[in-house]
Amino acid sequence: KRYPSILKQIGIAKTEPGDENNQD
């Protein structure tokens, strides 16, 4: 049994766009 956590990135994550030339 786990609690989602922003700090530990458990069940919650953030993605941001990177450089257009090298992001995959």
mmCIF file of all heavy atoms, coordinates in Angstrom:
data_MODEL
# 
_entry.id   MODEL 
# 
loop_
_atom_site.group_PDB 
_atom_site.id 
_atom_site.type_symbol 
_atom_site.label_atom_id 
_atom_site.label_alt_id 
_atom_site.label_comp_id 
_atom_site.label_asym_id 
_atom_site.label_entity_id 
_atom_site.label_seq_id 
_atom_site.pdbx_PDB_ins_code 
_atom_site.Cartn_x 
_atom_site.Cartn_y 
_atom_site.Cartn_z 
_atom_site.occupancy 
_atom_site.B_iso_or_equiv 
_atom_site.pdbx_formal_charge 
_atom_site.auth_seq_id 
_atom_site.auth_comp_id 
_atom_site.auth_asym_id 
_atom_site.auth_atom_id 
_atom_site.pdbx_PDB_model_num 
ATOM 1   N N   . LYS A 1 1  ? 0.879  -1.175 0.000   1.00 0.00 ? 1  LYS A N   1 
ATOM 2   C CA  . LYS A 1 1  ? 0.000  0.000  0.000   1.00 0.00 ? 1  LYS A CA  1 
ATOM 3   C C   . LYS A 1 1  ? 0.916  1.224  0.000   1.00 0.00 ? 1  LYS A C   1 
ATOM 4   O O   . LYS A 1 1  ? 1.760  1.385  0.881   1.00 0.00 ? 1  LYS A O   1 
ATOM 5   C CB  . LYS A 1 1  ? -0.875 -0.018 1.262   1.00 0.00 ? 1  LYS A CB  1 
ATOM 6   C CG  . LYS A 1 1  ? -1.684 1.252  1.494   1.00 0.00 ? 1  LYS A CG  1 
ATOM 7   C CD  . LYS A 1 1  ? -2.369 1.181  2.862   1.00 0.00 ? 1  LYS A CD  1 
ATOM 8   C CE  . LYS A 1 1  ? -3.091 2.463  3.204   1.00 0.00 ? 1  LYS A CE  1 
ATOM 9   N NZ  . LYS A 1 1  ? -3.706 2.404  4.544   1.00 0.00 ? 1  LYS A NZ  1 
ATOM 10  N N   . ARG A 1 2  ? 0.760  2.074  -1.002  1.00 0.00 ? 2  ARG A N   1 
ATOM 11  C CA  . ARG A 1 2  ? 1.641  3.225  -1.140  1.00 0.00 ? 2  ARG A CA  1 
ATOM 12  C C   . ARG A 1 2  ? 0.830  4.510  -1.265  1.00 0.00 ? 2  ARG A C   1 
ATOM 13  O O   . ARG A 1 2  ? -0.252 4.507  -1.856  1.00 0.00 ? 2  ARG A O   1 
ATOM 14  C CB  . ARG A 1 2  ? 2.556  3.102  -2.367  1.00 0.00 ? 2  ARG A CB  1 
ATOM 15  C CG  . ARG A 1 2  ? 3.288  1.803  -2.490  1.00 0.00 ? 2  ARG A CG  1 
ATOM 16  C CD  . ARG A 1 2  ? 4.260  1.830  -3.658  1.00 0.00 ? 2  ARG A CD  1 
ATOM 17  N NE  . ARG A 1 2  ? 5.508  2.492  -3.324  1.00 0.00 ? 2  ARG A NE  1 
ATOM 18  C CZ  . ARG A 1 2  ? 6.505  2.703  -4.188  1.00 0.00 ? 2  ARG A CZ  1 
ATOM 19  N NH1 . ARG A 1 2  ? 6.355  2.334  -5.452  1.00 0.00 ? 2  ARG A NH1 1 
ATOM 20  N NH2 . ARG A 1 2  ? 7.610  3.286  -3.814  1.00 0.00 ? 2  ARG A NH2 1 
ATOM 21  N N   . TYR A 1 3  ? 1.363  5.571  -0.734  1.00 0.00 ? 3  TYR A N   1 
ATOM 22  C CA  . TYR A 1 3  ? 0.749  6.889  -0.921  1.00 0.00 ? 3  TYR A CA  1 
ATOM 23  C C   . TYR A 1 3  ? 1.485  7.609  -2.048  1.00 0.00 ? 3  TYR A C   1 
ATOM 24  O O   . TYR A 1 3  ? 2.722  7.643  -2.051  1.00 0.00 ? 3  TYR A O   1 
ATOM 25  C CB  . TYR A 1 3  ? 0.833  7.725  0.359   1.00 0.00 ? 3  TYR A CB  1 
ATOM 26  C CG  . TYR A 1 3  ? -0.251 7.419  1.353   1.00 0.00 ? 3  TYR A CG  1 
ATOM 27  C CD1 . TYR A 1 3  ? -0.087 6.392  2.282   1.00 0.00 ? 3  TYR A CD1 1 
ATOM 28  C CD2 . TYR A 1 3  ? -1.448 8.129  1.361   1.00 0.00 ? 3  TYR A CD2 1 
ATOM 29  C CE1 . TYR A 1 3  ? -1.085 6.096  3.210   1.00 0.00 ? 3  TYR A CE1 1 
ATOM 30  C CE2 . TYR A 1 3  ? -2.457 7.842  2.283   1.00 0.00 ? 3  TYR A CE2 1 
ATOM 31  C CZ  . TYR A 1 3  ? -2.268 6.827  3.197   1.00 0.00 ? 3  TYR A CZ  1 
ATOM 32  O OH  . TYR A 1 3  ? -3.264 6.527  4.098   1.00 0.00 ? 3  TYR A OH  1 
ATOM 33  N N   . PRO A 1 4  ? 0.753  8.172  -3.004  1.00 0.00 ? 4  PRO A N   1 
ATOM 34  C CA  . PRO A 1 4  ? 1.429  8.970  -4.041  1.00 0.00 ? 4  PRO A CA  1 
ATOM 35  C C   . PRO A 1 4  ? 2.214  10.097 -3.382  1.00 0.00 ? 4  PRO A C   1 
ATOM 36  O O   . PRO A 1 4  ? 1.823  10.629 -2.342  1.00 0.00 ? 4  PRO A O   1 
ATOM 37  C CB  . PRO A 1 4  ? 0.273  9.529  -4.880  1.00 0.00 ? 4  PRO A CB  1 
ATOM 38  C CG  . PRO A 1 4  ? -0.866 8.585  -4.647  1.00 0.00 ? 4  PRO A CG  1 
ATOM 39  C CD  . PRO A 1 4  ? -0.702 8.119  -3.224  1.00 0.00 ? 4  PRO A CD  1 
ATOM 40  N N   . SER A 1 5  ? 3.331  10.446 -3.979  1.00 0.00 ? 5  SER A N   1 
ATOM 41  C CA  . SER A 1 5  ? 4.179  11.492 -3.398  1.00 0.00 ? 5  SER A CA  1 
ATOM 42  C C   . SER A 1 5  ? 4.804  12.333 -4.504  1.00 0.00 ? 5  SER A C   1 
ATOM 43  O O   . SER A 1 5  ? 5.417  11.786 -5.428  1.00 0.00 ? 5  SER A O   1 
ATOM 44  C CB  . SER A 1 5  ? 5.283  10.862 -2.542  1.00 0.00 ? 5  SER A CB  1 
ATOM 45  O OG  . SER A 1 5  ? 6.250  11.830 -2.197  1.00 0.00 ? 5  SER A OG  1 
ATOM 46  N N   . ILE A 1 6  ? 4.636  13.641 -4.381  1.00 0.00 ? 6  ILE A N   1 
ATOM 47  C CA  . ILE A 1 6  ? 5.264  14.543 -5.348  1.00 0.00 ? 6  ILE A CA  1 
ATOM 48  C C   . ILE A 1 6  ? 6.781  14.512 -5.166  1.00 0.00 ? 6  ILE A C   1 
ATOM 49  O O   . ILE A 1 6  ? 7.535  14.450 -6.134  1.00 0.00 ? 6  ILE A O   1 
ATOM 50  C CB  . ILE A 1 6  ? 4.738  15.981 -5.152  1.00 0.00 ? 6  ILE A CB  1 
ATOM 51  C CG1 . ILE A 1 6  ? 3.224  16.055 -5.436  1.00 0.00 ? 6  ILE A CG1 1 
ATOM 52  C CG2 . ILE A 1 6  ? 5.489  16.964 -6.052  1.00 0.00 ? 6  ILE A CG2 1 
ATOM 53  C CD1 . ILE A 1 6  ? 2.587  17.389 -5.070  1.00 0.00 ? 6  ILE A CD1 1 
ATOM 54  N N   . LEU A 1 7  ? 7.230  14.526 -3.910  1.00 0.00 ? 7  LEU A N   1 
ATOM 55  C CA  . LEU A 1 7  ? 8.666  14.588 -3.630  1.00 0.00 ? 7  LEU A CA  1 
ATOM 56  C C   . LEU A 1 7  ? 9.396  13.323 -4.080  1.00 0.00 ? 7  LEU A C   1 
ATOM 57  O O   . LEU A 1 7  ? 10.478 13.394 -4.651  1.00 0.00 ? 7  LEU A O   1 
ATOM 58  C CB  . LEU A 1 7  ? 8.903  14.813 -2.131  1.00 0.00 ? 7  LEU A CB  1 
ATOM 59  C CG  . LEU A 1 7  ? 8.437  16.162 -1.570  1.00 0.00 ? 7  LEU A CG  1 
ATOM 60  C CD1 . LEU A 1 7  ? 8.658  16.218 -0.076  1.00 0.00 ? 7  LEU A CD1 1 
ATOM 61  C CD2 . LEU A 1 7  ? 9.186  17.309 -2.252  1.00 0.00 ? 7  LEU A CD2 1 
ATOM 62  N N   . LYS A 1 8  ? 8.794  12.160 -3.826  1.00 0.00 ? 8  LYS A N   1 
ATOM 63  C CA  . LYS A 1 8  ? 9.442  10.895 -4.174  1.00 0.00 ? 8  LYS A CA  1 
ATOM 64  C C   . LYS A 1 8  ? 9.114  10.426 -5.588  1.00 0.00 ? 8  LYS A C   1 
ATOM 65  O O   . LYS A 1 8  ? 9.583  9.394  -6.020  1.00 0.00 ? 8  LYS A O   1 
ATOM 66  C CB  . LYS A 1 8  ? 9.013  9.810  -3.175  1.00 0.00 ? 8  LYS A CB  1 
ATOM 67  C CG  . LYS A 1 8  ? 9.409  10.098 -1.744  1.00 0.00 ? 8  LYS A CG  1 
ATOM 68  C CD  . LYS A 1 8  ? 8.869  8.992  -0.828  1.00 0.00 ? 8  LYS A CD  1 
ATOM 69  C CE  . LYS A 1 8  ? 9.133  9.301  0.626   1.00 0.00 ? 8  LYS A CE  1 
ATOM 70  N NZ  . LYS A 1 8  ? 8.512  8.292  1.522   1.00 0.00 ? 8  LYS A NZ  1 
ATOM 71  N N   . GLN A 1 9  ? 8.257  11.188 -6.276  1.00 0.00 ? 9  GLN A N   1 
ATOM 72  C CA  . GLN A 1 9  ? 7.774  10.812 -7.617  1.00 0.00 ? 9  GLN A CA  1 
ATOM 73  C C   . GLN A 1 9  ? 7.158  9.409  -7.611  1.00 0.00 ? 9  GLN A C   1 
ATOM 74  O O   . GLN A 1 9  ? 7.438  8.576  -8.468  1.00 0.00 ? 9  GLN A O   1 
ATOM 75  C CB  . GLN A 1 9  ? 8.904  10.895 -8.653  1.00 0.00 ? 9  GLN A CB  1 
ATOM 76  C CG  . GLN A 1 9  ? 9.346  12.309 -8.945  1.00 0.00 ? 9  GLN A CG  1 
ATOM 77  C CD  . GLN A 1 9  ? 10.114 12.435 -10.240 1.00 0.00 ? 9  GLN A CD  1 
ATOM 78  O OE1 . GLN A 1 9  ? 9.540  12.692 -11.290 1.00 0.00 ? 9  GLN A OE1 1 
ATOM 79  N NE2 . GLN A 1 9  ? 11.411 12.217 -10.177 1.00 0.00 ? 9  GLN A NE2 1 
ATOM 80  N N   . ILE A 1 10 ? 6.326  9.185  -6.618  1.00 0.00 ? 10 ILE A N   1 
ATOM 81  C CA  . ILE A 1 10 ? 5.562  7.934  -6.561  1.00 0.00 ? 10 ILE A CA  1 
ATOM 82  C C   . ILE A 1 10 ? 4.147  8.249  -7.017  1.00 0.00 ? 10 ILE A C   1 
ATOM 83  O O   . ILE A 1 10 ? 3.406  8.980  -6.351  1.00 0.00 ? 10 ILE A O   1 
ATOM 84  C CB  . ILE A 1 10 ? 5.519  7.376  -5.115  1.00 0.00 ? 10 ILE A CB  1 
ATOM 85  C CG1 . ILE A 1 10 ? 6.920  7.042  -4.623  1.00 0.00 ? 10 ILE A CG1 1 
ATOM 86  C CG2 . ILE A 1 10 ? 4.619  6.145  -5.050  1.00 0.00 ? 10 ILE A CG2 1 
ATOM 87  C CD1 . ILE A 1 10 ? 6.980  6.679  -3.143  1.00 0.00 ? 10 ILE A CD1 1 
ATOM 88  N N   . GLY A 1 11 ? 3.765  7.754  -8.151  1.00 0.00 ? 11 GLY A N   1 
ATOM 89  C CA  . GLY A 1 11 ? 2.404  7.964  -8.650  1.00 0.00 ? 11 GLY A CA  1 
ATOM 90  C C   . GLY A 1 11 ? 2.124  9.381  -9.123  1.00 0.00 ? 11 GLY A C   1 
ATOM 91  O O   . GLY A 1 11 ? 1.016  9.686  -9.544  1.00 0.00 ? 11 GLY A O   1 
ATOM 92  N N   . ILE A 1 12 ? 3.093  10.268 -9.031  1.00 0.00 ? 12 ILE A N   1 
ATOM 93  C CA  . ILE A 1 12 ? 2.929  11.653 -9.492  1.00 0.00 ? 12 ILE A CA  1 
ATOM 94  C C   . ILE A 1 12 ? 4.223  12.081 -10.169 1.00 0.00 ? 12 ILE A C   1 
ATOM 95  O O   . ILE A 1 12 ? 5.307  11.915 -9.598  1.00 0.00 ? 12 ILE A O   1 
ATOM 96  C CB  . ILE A 1 12 ? 2.629  12.615 -8.321  1.00 0.00 ? 12 ILE A CB  1 
ATOM 97  C CG1 . ILE A 1 12 ? 1.324  12.222 -7.637  1.00 0.00 ? 12 ILE A CG1 1 
ATOM 98  C CG2 . ILE A 1 12 ? 2.537  14.059 -8.819  1.00 0.00 ? 12 ILE A CG2 1 
ATOM 99  C CD1 . ILE A 1 12 ? 1.020  13.022 -6.382  1.00 0.00 ? 12 ILE A CD1 1 
ATOM 100 N N   . ALA A 1 13 ? 4.113  12.596 -11.370 1.00 0.00 ? 13 ALA A N   1 
ATOM 101 C CA  . ALA A 1 13 ? 5.307  13.018 -12.098 1.00 0.00 ? 13 ALA A CA  1 
ATOM 102 C C   . ALA A 1 13 ? 4.996  14.233 -12.946 1.00 0.00 ? 13 ALA A C   1 
ATOM 103 O O   . ALA A 1 13 ? 3.840  14.512 -13.267 1.00 0.00 ? 13 ALA A O   1 
ATOM 104 C CB  . ALA A 1 13 ? 5.831  11.876 -12.967 1.00 0.00 ? 13 ALA A CB  1 
ATOM 105 N N   . LYS A 1 14 ? 6.051  14.956 -13.298 1.00 0.00 ? 14 LYS A N   1 
ATOM 106 C CA  . LYS A 1 14 ? 5.911  16.133 -14.155 1.00 0.00 ? 14 LYS A CA  1 
ATOM 107 C C   . LYS A 1 14 ? 6.869  15.990 -15.338 1.00 0.00 ? 14 LYS A C   1 
ATOM 108 O O   . LYS A 1 14 ? 8.036  15.638 -15.155 1.00 0.00 ? 14 LYS A O   1 
ATOM 109 C CB  . LYS A 1 14 ? 6.233  17.403 -13.364 1.00 0.00 ? 14 LYS A CB  1 
ATOM 110 C CG  . LYS A 1 14 ? 6.140  18.686 -14.193 1.00 0.00 ? 14 LYS A CG  1 
ATOM 111 C CD  . LYS A 1 14 ? 6.674  19.892 -13.443 1.00 0.00 ? 14 LYS A CD  1 
ATOM 112 C CE  . LYS A 1 14 ? 5.646  20.452 -12.498 1.00 0.00 ? 14 LYS A CE  1 
ATOM 113 N NZ  . LYS A 1 14 ? 6.040  21.802 -11.976 1.00 0.00 ? 14 LYS A NZ  1 
ATOM 114 N N   . THR A 1 15 ? 6.364  16.263 -16.522 1.00 0.00 ? 15 THR A N   1 
ATOM 115 C CA  . THR A 1 15 ? 7.198  16.230 -17.722 1.00 0.00 ? 15 THR A CA  1 
ATOM 116 C C   . THR A 1 15 ? 7.138  17.590 -18.391 1.00 0.00 ? 15 THR A C   1 
ATOM 117 O O   . THR A 1 15 ? 6.075  18.196 -18.472 1.00 0.00 ? 15 THR A O   1 
ATOM 118 C CB  . THR A 1 15 ? 6.697  15.152 -18.717 1.00 0.00 ? 15 THR A CB  1 
ATOM 119 O OG1 . THR A 1 15 ? 6.710  13.885 -18.062 1.00 0.00 ? 15 THR A OG1 1 
ATOM 120 C CG2 . THR A 1 15 ? 7.571  15.092 -19.945 1.00 0.00 ? 15 THR A CG2 1 
ATOM 121 N N   . GLU A 1 16 ? 8.289  18.036 -18.866 1.00 0.00 ? 16 GLU A N   1 
ATOM 122 C CA  . GLU A 1 16 ? 8.354  19.319 -19.549 1.00 0.00 ? 16 GLU A CA  1 
ATOM 123 C C   . GLU A 1 16 ? 8.974  19.128 -20.919 1.00 0.00 ? 16 GLU A C   1 
ATOM 124 O O   . GLU A 1 16 ? 9.808  18.240 -21.117 1.00 0.00 ? 16 GLU A O   1 
ATOM 125 C CB  . GLU A 1 16 ? 9.198  20.302 -18.729 1.00 0.00 ? 16 GLU A CB  1 
ATOM 126 C CG  . GLU A 1 16 ? 8.620  20.586 -17.352 1.00 0.00 ? 16 GLU A CG  1 
ATOM 127 C CD  . GLU A 1 16 ? 9.524  21.469 -16.514 1.00 0.00 ? 16 GLU A CD  1 
ATOM 128 O OE1 . GLU A 1 16 ? 10.666 21.706 -16.944 1.00 0.00 ? 16 GLU A OE1 1 
ATOM 129 O OE2 . GLU A 1 16 ? 9.090  21.915 -15.443 1.00 0.00 ? 16 GLU A OE2 1 
ATOM 130 N N   . PRO A 1 17 ? 8.603  19.968 -21.894 1.00 0.00 ? 17 PRO A N   1 
ATOM 131 C CA  . PRO A 1 17 ? 9.211  19.848 -23.222 1.00 0.00 ? 17 PRO A CA  1 
ATOM 132 C C   . PRO A 1 17 ? 10.677 20.264 -23.149 1.00 0.00 ? 17 PRO A C   1 
ATOM 133 O O   . PRO A 1 17 ? 11.020 21.243 -22.486 1.00 0.00 ? 17 PRO A O   1 
ATOM 134 C CB  . PRO A 1 17 ? 8.396  20.828 -24.080 1.00 0.00 ? 17 PRO A CB  1 
ATOM 135 C CG  . PRO A 1 17 ? 7.817  21.790 -23.122 1.00 0.00 ? 17 PRO A CG  1 
ATOM 136 C CD  . PRO A 1 17 ? 7.602  21.044 -21.838 1.00 0.00 ? 17 PRO A CD  1 
ATOM 137 N N   . GLY A 1 18 ? 11.519 19.492 -23.800 1.00 0.00 ? 18 GLY A N   1 
ATOM 138 C CA  . GLY A 1 18 ? 12.944 19.829 -23.813 1.00 0.00 ? 18 GLY A CA  1 
ATOM 139 C C   . GLY A 1 18 ? 13.322 20.512 -25.111 1.00 0.00 ? 18 GLY A C   1 
ATOM 140 O O   . GLY A 1 18 ? 12.494 21.123 -25.782 1.00 0.00 ? 18 GLY A O   1 
ATOM 141 N N   . ASP A 1 19 ? 14.570 20.383 -25.462 1.00 0.00 ? 19 ASP A N   1 
ATOM 142 C CA  . ASP A 1 19 ? 15.073 20.953 -26.709 1.00 0.00 ? 19 ASP A CA  1 
ATOM 143 C C   . ASP A 1 19 ? 14.461 20.202 -27.890 1.00 0.00 ? 19 ASP A C   1 
ATOM 144 O O   . ASP A 1 19 ? 14.486 18.971 -27.932 1.00 0.00 ? 19 ASP A O   1 
ATOM 145 C CB  . ASP A 1 19 ? 16.600 20.820 -26.716 1.00 0.00 ? 19 ASP A CB  1 
ATOM 146 C CG  . ASP A 1 19 ? 17.224 21.522 -27.908 1.00 0.00 ? 19 ASP A CG  1 
ATOM 147 O OD1 . ASP A 1 19 ? 16.501 21.756 -28.893 1.00 0.00 ? 19 ASP A OD1 1 
ATOM 148 O OD2 . ASP A 1 19 ? 18.428 21.811 -27.859 1.00 0.00 ? 19 ASP A OD2 1 
ATOM 149 N N   . GLU A 1 20 ? 13.926 20.917 -28.843 1.00 0.00 ? 20 GLU A N   1 
ATOM 150 C CA  . GLU A 1 20 ? 13.271 20.273 -30.001 1.00 0.00 ? 20 GLU A CA  1 
ATOM 151 C C   . GLU A 1 20 ? 14.208 19.346 -30.736 1.00 0.00 ? 20 GLU A C   1 
ATOM 152 O O   . GLU A 1 20 ? 13.785 18.358 -31.329 1.00 0.00 ? 20 GLU A O   1 
ATOM 153 C CB  . GLU A 1 20 ? 12.748 21.336 -30.974 1.00 0.00 ? 20 GLU A CB  1 
ATOM 154 C CG  . GLU A 1 20 ? 11.415 21.914 -30.565 1.00 0.00 ? 20 GLU A CG  1 
ATOM 155 C CD  . GLU A 1 20 ? 10.774 22.702 -31.698 1.00 0.00 ? 20 GLU A CD  1 
ATOM 156 O OE1 . GLU A 1 20 ? 11.172 22.508 -32.857 1.00 0.00 ? 20 GLU A OE1 1 
ATOM 157 O OE2 . GLU A 1 20 ? 9.888  23.509 -31.403 1.00 0.00 ? 20 GLU A OE2 1 
ATOM 158 N N   . ASN A 1 21 ? 15.507 19.645 -30.731 1.00 0.00 ? 21 ASN A N   1 
ATOM 159 C CA  . ASN A 1 21 ? 16.448 18.876 -31.548 1.00 0.00 ? 21 ASN A CA  1 
ATOM 160 C C   . ASN A 1 21 ? 16.849 17.545 -30.924 1.00 0.00 ? 21 ASN A C   1 
ATOM 161 O O   . ASN A 1 21 ? 17.185 16.605 -31.627 1.00 0.00 ? 21 ASN A O   1 
ATOM 162 C CB  . ASN A 1 21 ? 17.718 19.709 -31.807 1.00 0.00 ? 21 ASN A CB  1 
ATOM 163 C CG  . ASN A 1 21 ? 17.388 20.973 -32.572 1.00 0.00 ? 21 ASN A CG  1 
ATOM 164 O OD1 . ASN A 1 21 ? 16.598 20.941 -33.500 1.00 0.00 ? 21 ASN A OD1 1 
ATOM 165 N ND2 . ASN A 1 21 ? 17.980 22.091 -32.161 1.00 0.00 ? 21 ASN A ND2 1 
ATOM 166 N N   . ASN A 1 22 ? 16.814 17.464 -29.598 1.00 0.00 ? 22 ASN A N   1 
ATOM 167 C CA  . ASN A 1 22 ? 17.305 16.216 -29.000 1.00 0.00 ? 22 ASN A CA  1 
ATOM 168 C C   . ASN A 1 22 ? 16.303 15.517 -28.090 1.00 0.00 ? 22 ASN A C   1 
ATOM 169 O O   . ASN A 1 22 ? 16.600 14.489 -27.527 1.00 0.00 ? 22 ASN A O   1 
ATOM 170 C CB  . ASN A 1 22 ? 18.609 16.477 -28.229 1.00 0.00 ? 22 ASN A CB  1 
ATOM 171 C CG  . ASN A 1 22 ? 18.407 17.470 -27.087 1.00 0.00 ? 22 ASN A CG  1 
ATOM 172 O OD1 . ASN A 1 22 ? 17.294 17.677 -26.617 1.00 0.00 ? 22 ASN A OD1 1 
ATOM 173 N ND2 . ASN A 1 22 ? 19.500 18.087 -26.646 1.00 0.00 ? 22 ASN A ND2 1 
ATOM 174 N N   . GLN A 1 23 ? 15.091 16.087 -27.927 1.00 0.00 ? 23 GLN A N   1 
ATOM 175 C CA  . GLN A 1 23 ? 14.128 15.429 -27.045 1.00 0.00 ? 23 GLN A CA  1 
ATOM 176 C C   . GLN A 1 23 ? 13.570 14.192 -27.730 1.00 0.00 ? 23 GLN A C   1 
ATOM 177 O O   . GLN A 1 23 ? 13.255 14.204 -28.919 1.00 0.00 ? 23 GLN A O   1 
ATOM 178 C CB  . GLN A 1 23 ? 12.987 16.376 -26.693 1.00 0.00 ? 23 GLN A CB  1 
ATOM 179 C CG  . GLN A 1 23 ? 12.074 15.779 -25.627 1.00 0.00 ? 23 GLN A CG  1 
ATOM 180 C CD  . GLN A 1 23 ? 10.940 16.707 -25.259 1.00 0.00 ? 23 GLN A CD  1 
ATOM 181 O OE1 . GLN A 1 23 ? 10.681 17.660 -25.959 1.00 0.00 ? 23 GLN A OE1 1 
ATOM 182 N NE2 . GLN A 1 23 ? 10.263 16.413 -24.168 1.00 0.00 ? 23 GLN A NE2 1 
ATOM 183 N N   . ASP A 1 24 ? 13.458 13.102 -26.971 1.00 0.00 ? 24 ASP A N   1 
ATOM 184 C CA  . ASP A 1 24 ? 12.842 11.894 -27.522 1.00 0.00 ? 24 ASP A CA  1 
ATOM 185 C C   . ASP A 1 24 ? 11.817 11.363 -26.525 1.00 0.00 ? 24 ASP A C   1 
ATOM 186 O O   . ASP A 1 24 ? 11.596 11.948 -25.470 1.00 0.00 ? 24 ASP A O   1 
ATOM 187 C CB  . ASP A 1 24 ? 13.899 10.841 -27.866 1.00 0.00 ? 24 ASP A CB  1 
ATOM 188 C CG  . ASP A 1 24 ? 14.725 10.442 -26.639 1.00 0.00 ? 24 ASP A CG  1 
ATOM 189 O OD1 . ASP A 1 24 ? 14.192 10.560 -25.517 1.00 0.00 ? 24 ASP A OD1 1 
ATOM 190 O OD2 . ASP A 1 24 ? 15.875 10.021 -26.799 1.00 0.00 ? 24 ASP A OD2 1 
# 
